[in-house]
């Protein structure tokens, strides 16, 4: 999360998460040159949920 934006976030700005996270599995492959992380998530959309957006910084999506 970037903190250099100068934008203030308040708890009252939040809304309920539109997806239910059923499970998360993380696998780390540690190498001297790089670390690869495989994240497997099982999500269930709640009624009226919008489109899921994956948002990351300095990441390379290898497979979806």
PDB file of N, CA and C in Angstrom:
ATOM      1  N   UNK A   1       0.845  -1.169   0.000  1.00  0.00           N
ATOM      2  CA  UNK A   1       0.000   0.000   0.000  1.00  0.00           C
ATOM      3  C   UNK A   1       0.890   1.231   0.000  1.00  0.00           C
ATOM      4  N   UNK A   2       0.618   2.134  -0.887  1.00  0.00           N
ATOM      5  CA  UNK A   2       1.371   3.382  -0.936  1.00  0.00           C
ATOM      6  C   UNK A   2       0.876   4.305   0.157  1.00  0.00           C
ATOM      7  N   UNK A   3       1.795   4.996   0.782  1.00  0.00           N
ATOM      8  CA  UNK A   3       1.420   5.968   1.810  1.00  0.00           C
ATOM      9  C   UNK A   3       1.835   7.375   1.427  1.00  0.00           C
ATOM     10  N   UNK A   4       2.364   7.560   0.221  1.00  0.00           N
ATOM     11  CA  UNK A   4       2.854   8.867  -0.201  1.00  0.00           C
ATOM     12  C   UNK A   4       1.787   9.720  -0.885  1.00  0.00           C
ATOM     13  N   UNK A   5       0.530   9.287  -0.888  1.00  0.00           N
ATOM     14  CA  UNK A   5      -0.518  10.020  -1.587  1.00  0.00           C
ATOM     15  C   UNK A   5      -1.061  11.183  -0.777  1.00  0.00           C
ATOM     16  N   UNK A   6      -0.864  11.183   0.535  1.00  0.00           N
ATOM     17  CA  UNK A   6      -1.389  12.249   1.361  1.00  0.00           C
ATOM     18  C   UNK A   6      -2.891  12.157   1.568  1.00  0.00           C
ATOM     19  N   UNK A   7      -3.496  11.070   1.140  1.00  0.00           N
ATOM     20  CA  UNK A   7      -4.932  10.882   1.249  1.00  0.00           C
ATOM     21  C   UNK A   7      -5.263  10.246   2.595  1.00  0.00           C
ATOM     22  N   UNK A   8      -6.293  10.752   3.262  1.00  0.00           N
ATOM     23  CA  UNK A   8      -6.715  10.209   4.546  1.00  0.00           C
ATOM     24  C   UNK A   8      -7.856   9.232   4.330  1.00  0.00           C
ATOM     25  N   UNK A   9      -7.769   8.072   4.977  1.00  0.00           N
ATOM     26  CA  UNK A   9      -8.817   7.062   4.914  1.00  0.00           C
ATOM     27  C   UNK A   9      -9.438   6.920   6.294  1.00  0.00           C
ATOM     28  N   UNK A  10     -10.741   6.872   6.342  1.00  0.00           N
ATOM     29  CA  UNK A  10     -11.464   6.741   7.605  1.00  0.00           C
ATOM     30  C   UNK A  10     -12.204   5.405   7.629  1.00  0.00           C
ATOM     31  N   UNK A  11     -12.338   4.844   8.809  1.00  0.00           N
ATOM     32  CA  UNK A  11     -13.057   3.583   8.957  1.00  0.00           C
ATOM     33  C   UNK A  11     -14.470   3.693   8.396  1.00  0.00           C
ATOM     34  N   UNK A  12     -15.097   4.854   8.543  1.00  0.00           N
ATOM     35  CA  UNK A  12     -16.462   5.043   8.036  1.00  0.00           C
ATOM     36  C   UNK A  12     -16.522   5.025   6.510  1.00  0.00           C
ATOM     37  N   UNK A  13     -15.369   5.158   5.829  1.00  0.00           N
ATOM     38  CA  UNK A  13     -15.330   5.097   4.366  1.00  0.00           C
ATOM     39  C   UNK A  13     -15.454   3.670   3.855  1.00  0.00           C
ATOM     40  N   UNK A  14     -15.220   2.695   4.717  1.00  0.00           N
ATOM     41  CA  UNK A  14     -15.236   1.286   4.306  1.00  0.00           C
ATOM     42  C   UNK A  14     -16.646   0.769   4.132  1.00  0.00           C
ATOM     43  N   UNK A  15     -16.772  -0.225   3.268  1.00  0.00           N
ATOM     44  CA  UNK A  15     -18.039  -0.917   3.091  1.00  0.00           C
ATOM     45  C   UNK A  15     -17.770  -2.412   3.218  1.00  0.00           C
ATOM     46  N   UNK A  16     -18.797  -3.221   3.448  1.00  0.00           N
ATOM     47  CA  UNK A  16     -18.574  -4.666   3.583  1.00  0.00           C
ATOM     48  C   UNK A  16     -17.928  -5.247   2.332  1.00  0.00           C
ATOM     49  N   UNK A  17     -17.024  -6.183   2.524  1.00  0.00           N
ATOM     50  CA  UNK A  17     -16.326  -6.822   1.410  1.00  0.00           C
ATOM     51  C   UNK A  17     -17.338  -7.620   0.588  1.00  0.00           C
ATOM     52  N   UNK A  18     -17.377  -7.432  -0.744  1.00  0.00           N
ATOM     53  CA  UNK A  18     -18.405  -8.086  -1.566  1.00  0.00           C
ATOM     54  C   UNK A  18     -18.132  -9.559  -1.861  1.00  0.00           C
ATOM     55  N   UNK A  19     -17.040 -10.106  -1.306  1.00  0.00           N
ATOM     56  CA  UNK A  19     -16.709 -11.507  -1.532  1.00  0.00           C
ATOM     57  C   UNK A  19     -16.410 -12.179  -0.205  1.00  0.00           C
ATOM     58  N   UNK A  20     -16.756 -13.437  -0.109  1.00  0.00           N
ATOM     59  CA  UNK A  20     -16.430 -14.236   1.064  1.00  0.00           C
ATOM     60  C   UNK A  20     -15.178 -15.048   0.739  1.00  0.00           C
ATOM     61  N   UNK A  21     -14.167 -14.926   1.570  1.00  0.00           N
ATOM     62  CA  UNK A  21     -12.917 -15.663   1.364  1.00  0.00           C
ATOM     63  C   UNK A  21     -13.077 -17.017   2.038  1.00  0.00           C
ATOM     64  N   UNK A  22     -13.143 -18.072   1.224  1.00  0.00           N
ATOM     65  CA  UNK A  22     -13.345 -19.412   1.763  1.00  0.00           C
ATOM     66  C   UNK A  22     -12.032 -20.062   2.183  1.00  0.00           C
ATOM     67  N   UNK A  23     -10.955 -19.816   1.426  1.00  0.00           N
ATOM     68  CA  UNK A  23      -9.658 -20.383   1.797  1.00  0.00           C
ATOM     69  C   UNK A  23      -8.545 -19.626   1.087  1.00  0.00           C
ATOM     70  N   UNK A  24      -7.362 -19.669   1.709  1.00  0.00           N
ATOM     71  CA  UNK A  24      -6.157 -19.063   1.144  1.00  0.00           C
ATOM     72  C   UNK A  24      -5.022 -20.057   1.340  1.00  0.00           C
ATOM     73  N   UNK A  25      -4.270 -20.325   0.276  1.00  0.00           N
ATOM     74  CA  UNK A  25      -3.091 -21.188   0.351  1.00  0.00           C
ATOM     75  C   UNK A  25      -1.924 -20.419  -0.255  1.00  0.00           C
ATOM     76  N   UNK A  26      -0.815 -20.326   0.489  1.00  0.00           N
ATOM     77  CA  UNK A  26       0.383 -19.647   0.011  1.00  0.00           C
ATOM     78  C   UNK A  26       1.531 -20.638  -0.024  1.00  0.00           C
ATOM     79  N   UNK A  27       2.249 -20.669  -1.141  1.00  0.00           N
ATOM     80  CA  UNK A  27       3.432 -21.520  -1.292  1.00  0.00           C
ATOM     81  C   UNK A  27       4.581 -20.591  -1.677  1.00  0.00           C
ATOM     82  N   UNK A  28       5.684 -20.647  -0.917  1.00  0.00           N
ATOM     83  CA  UNK A  28       6.846 -19.798  -1.162  1.00  0.00           C
ATOM     84  C   UNK A  28       7.980 -20.634  -1.708  1.00  0.00           C
ATOM     85  N   UNK A  29       8.563 -20.195  -2.825  1.00  0.00           N
ATOM     86  CA  UNK A  29       9.744 -20.826  -3.403  1.00  0.00           C
ATOM     87  C   UNK A  29      10.878 -19.820  -3.295  1.00  0.00           C
ATOM     88  N   UNK A  30      11.780 -20.053  -2.340  1.00  0.00           N
ATOM     89  CA  UNK A  30      12.851 -19.109  -2.033  1.00  0.00           C
ATOM     90  C   UNK A  30      14.113 -19.479  -2.794  1.00  0.00           C
ATOM     91  N   UNK A  31      14.608 -18.537  -3.569  1.00  0.00           N
ATOM     92  CA  UNK A  31      15.856 -18.699  -4.320  1.00  0.00           C
ATOM     93  C   UNK A  31      16.737 -17.502  -4.010  1.00  0.00           C
ATOM     94  N   UNK A  32      18.034 -17.624  -4.285  1.00  0.00           N
ATOM     95  CA  UNK A  32      18.963 -16.524  -4.028  1.00  0.00           C
ATOM     96  C   UNK A  32      18.645 -15.297  -4.882  1.00  0.00           C
ATOM     97  N   UNK A  33      18.179 -15.511  -6.119  1.00  0.00           N
ATOM     98  CA  UNK A  33      17.922 -14.410  -7.041  1.00  0.00           C
ATOM     99  C   UNK A  33      16.517 -13.838  -6.913  1.00  0.00           C
ATOM    100  N   UNK A  34      15.569 -14.647  -6.495  1.00  0.00           N
ATOM    101  CA  UNK A  34      14.180 -14.196  -6.463  1.00  0.00           C
ATOM    102  C   UNK A  34      13.354 -15.112  -5.573  1.00  0.00           C
ATOM    103  N   UNK A  35      12.205 -14.614  -5.176  1.00  0.00           N
ATOM    104  CA  UNK A  35      11.243 -15.418  -4.437  1.00  0.00           C
ATOM    105  C   UNK A  35       9.960 -15.466  -5.249  1.00  0.00           C
ATOM    106  N   UNK A  36       9.440 -16.645  -5.445  1.00  0.00           N
ATOM    107  CA  UNK A  36       8.169 -16.812  -6.153  1.00  0.00           C
ATOM    108  C   UNK A  36       7.128 -17.257  -5.141  1.00  0.00           C
ATOM    109  N   UNK A  37       5.972 -16.609  -5.179  1.00  0.00           N
ATOM    110  CA  UNK A  37       4.883 -16.941  -4.272  1.00  0.00           C
ATOM    111  C   UNK A  37       3.682 -17.357  -5.111  1.00  0.00           C
ATOM    112  N   UNK A  38       3.160 -18.523  -4.814  1.00  0.00           N
ATOM    113  CA  UNK A  38       1.935 -18.984  -5.460  1.00  0.00           C
ATOM    114  C   UNK A  38       0.815 -18.823  -4.441  1.00  0.00           C
ATOM    115  N   UNK A  39      -0.170 -18.003  -4.785  1.00  0.00           N
ATOM    116  CA  UNK A  39      -1.306 -17.753  -3.900  1.00  0.00           C
ATOM    117  C   UNK A  39      -2.556 -18.337  -4.551  1.00  0.00           C
ATOM    118  N   UNK A  40      -3.212 -19.225  -3.839  1.00  0.00           N
ATOM    119  CA  UNK A  40      -4.451 -19.811  -4.324  1.00  0.00           C
ATOM    120  C   UNK A  40      -5.570 -19.383  -3.376  1.00  0.00           C
ATOM    121  N   UNK A  41      -6.550 -18.683  -3.918  1.00  0.00           N
ATOM    122  CA  UNK A  41      -7.667 -18.200  -3.118  1.00  0.00           C
ATOM    123  C   UNK A  41      -8.961 -18.777  -3.652  1.00  0.00           C
ATOM    124  N   UNK A  42      -9.839 -19.138  -2.759  1.00  0.00           N
ATOM    125  CA  UNK A  42     -11.186 -19.531  -3.145  1.00  0.00           C
ATOM    126  C   UNK A  42     -12.124 -18.471  -2.579  1.00  0.00           C
ATOM    127  N   UNK A  43     -12.802 -17.776  -3.497  1.00  0.00           N
ATOM    128  CA  UNK A  43     -13.702 -16.695  -3.129  1.00  0.00           C
ATOM    129  C   UNK A  43     -15.111 -17.019  -3.582  1.00  0.00           C
ATOM    130  N   UNK A  44     -16.060 -16.524  -2.841  1.00  0.00           N
ATOM    131  CA  UNK A  44     -17.470 -16.660  -3.230  1.00  0.00           C
ATOM    132  C   UNK A  44     -18.062 -15.256  -3.234  1.00  0.00           C
ATOM    133  N   UNK A  45     -18.683 -14.878  -4.338  1.00  0.00           N
ATOM    134  CA  UNK A  45     -19.267 -13.534  -4.406  1.00  0.00           C
ATOM    135  C   UNK A  45     -20.571 -13.492  -3.614  1.00  0.00           C
ATOM    136  N   UNK A  46     -20.721 -12.399  -2.905  1.00  0.00           N
ATOM    137  CA  UNK A  46     -21.958 -12.180  -2.163  1.00  0.00           C
ATOM    138  C   UNK A  46     -22.983 -11.574  -3.105  1.00  0.00           C
ATOM    139  N   UNK A  47     -24.234 -11.619  -2.736  1.00  0.00           N
ATOM    140  CA  UNK A  47     -25.299 -11.083  -3.580  1.00  0.00           C
ATOM    141  C   UNK A  47     -25.041  -9.610  -3.876  1.00  0.00           C
ATOM    142  N   UNK A  48     -25.110  -9.259  -5.134  1.00  0.00           N
ATOM    143  CA  UNK A  48     -24.904  -7.881  -5.553  1.00  0.00           C
ATOM    144  C   UNK A  48     -23.448  -7.480  -5.656  1.00  0.00           C
ATOM    145  N   UNK A  49     -22.535  -8.459  -5.632  1.00  0.00           N
ATOM    146  CA  UNK A  49     -21.109  -8.157  -5.680  1.00  0.00           C
ATOM    147  C   UNK A  49     -20.716  -7.597  -7.038  1.00  0.00           C
ATOM    148  N   UNK A  50     -19.782  -6.666  -7.015  1.00  0.00           N
ATOM    149  CA  UNK A  50     -19.250  -6.121  -8.251  1.00  0.00           C
ATOM    150  C   UNK A  50     -18.145  -7.035  -8.769  1.00  0.00           C
ATOM    151  N   UNK A  51     -17.522  -6.625  -9.844  1.00  0.00           N
ATOM    152  CA  UNK A  51     -16.448  -7.407 -10.448  1.00  0.00           C
ATOM    153  C   UNK A  51     -15.231  -7.411  -9.525  1.00  0.00           C
ATOM    154  N   UNK A  52     -14.570  -8.553  -9.406  1.00  0.00           N
ATOM    155  CA  UNK A  52     -13.364  -8.686  -8.604  1.00  0.00           C
ATOM    156  C   UNK A  52     -12.202  -8.009  -9.324  1.00  0.00           C
ATOM    157  N   UNK A  53     -11.464  -7.165  -8.608  1.00  0.00           N
ATOM    158  CA  UNK A  53     -10.298  -6.476  -9.168  1.00  0.00           C
ATOM    159  C   UNK A  53      -9.079  -6.884  -8.360  1.00  0.00           C
ATOM    160  N   UNK A  54      -8.057  -7.410  -9.037  1.00  0.00           N
ATOM    161  CA  UNK A  54      -6.790  -7.744  -8.392  1.00  0.00           C
ATOM    162  C   UNK A  54      -5.849  -6.569  -8.614  1.00  0.00           C
ATOM    163  N   UNK A  55      -5.323  -6.015  -7.541  1.00  0.00           N
ATOM    164  CA  UNK A  55      -4.523  -4.801  -7.638  1.00  0.00           C
ATOM    165  C   UNK A  55      -3.244  -4.987  -6.836  1.00  0.00           C
ATOM    166  N   UNK A  56      -2.111  -4.920  -7.500  1.00  0.00           N
ATOM    167  CA  UNK A  56      -0.829  -5.075  -6.819  1.00  0.00           C
ATOM    168  C   UNK A  56       0.201  -4.148  -7.414  1.00  0.00           C
ATOM    169  N   UNK A  57       1.288  -3.961  -6.700  1.00  0.00           N
ATOM    170  CA  UNK A  57       2.362  -3.097  -7.159  1.00  0.00           C
ATOM    171  C   UNK A  57       3.630  -3.914  -7.301  1.00  0.00           C
ATOM    172  N   UNK A  58       4.332  -3.696  -8.409  1.00  0.00           N
ATOM    173  CA  UNK A  58       5.596  -4.373  -8.686  1.00  0.00           C
ATOM    174  C   UNK A  58       5.452  -5.897  -8.626  1.00  0.00           C
ATOM    175  N   UNK A  59       4.337  -6.401  -9.154  1.00  0.00           N
ATOM    176  CA  UNK A  59       4.082  -7.828  -9.202  1.00  0.00           C
ATOM    177  C   UNK A  59       3.946  -8.268 -10.653  1.00  0.00           C
ATOM    178  N   UNK A  60       4.274  -9.500 -10.919  1.00  0.00           N
ATOM    179  CA  UNK A  60       4.092 -10.068 -12.247  1.00  0.00           C
ATOM    180  C   UNK A  60       3.093 -11.212 -12.129  1.00  0.00           C
ATOM    181  N   UNK A  61       1.937 -11.063 -12.778  1.00  0.00           N
ATOM    182  CA  UNK A  61       0.932 -12.108 -12.795  1.00  0.00           C
ATOM    183  C   UNK A  61       1.389 -13.179 -13.778  1.00  0.00           C
ATOM    184  N   UNK A  62       1.613 -14.382 -13.281  1.00  0.00           N
ATOM    185  CA  UNK A  62       2.132 -15.456 -14.125  1.00  0.00           C
ATOM    186  C   UNK A  62       1.008 -16.358 -14.627  1.00  0.00           C
ATOM    187  N   UNK A  63      -0.091 -16.426 -13.900  1.00  0.00           N
ATOM    188  CA  UNK A  63      -1.186 -17.296 -14.285  1.00  0.00           C
ATOM    189  C   UNK A  63      -2.434 -16.889 -13.522  1.00  0.00           C
ATOM    190  N   UNK A  64      -3.587 -17.045 -14.159  1.00  0.00           N
ATOM    191  CA  UNK A  64      -4.860 -16.755 -13.504  1.00  0.00           C
ATOM    192  C   UNK A  64      -5.822 -17.867 -13.831  1.00  0.00           C
TER     193      UNK A  64
END
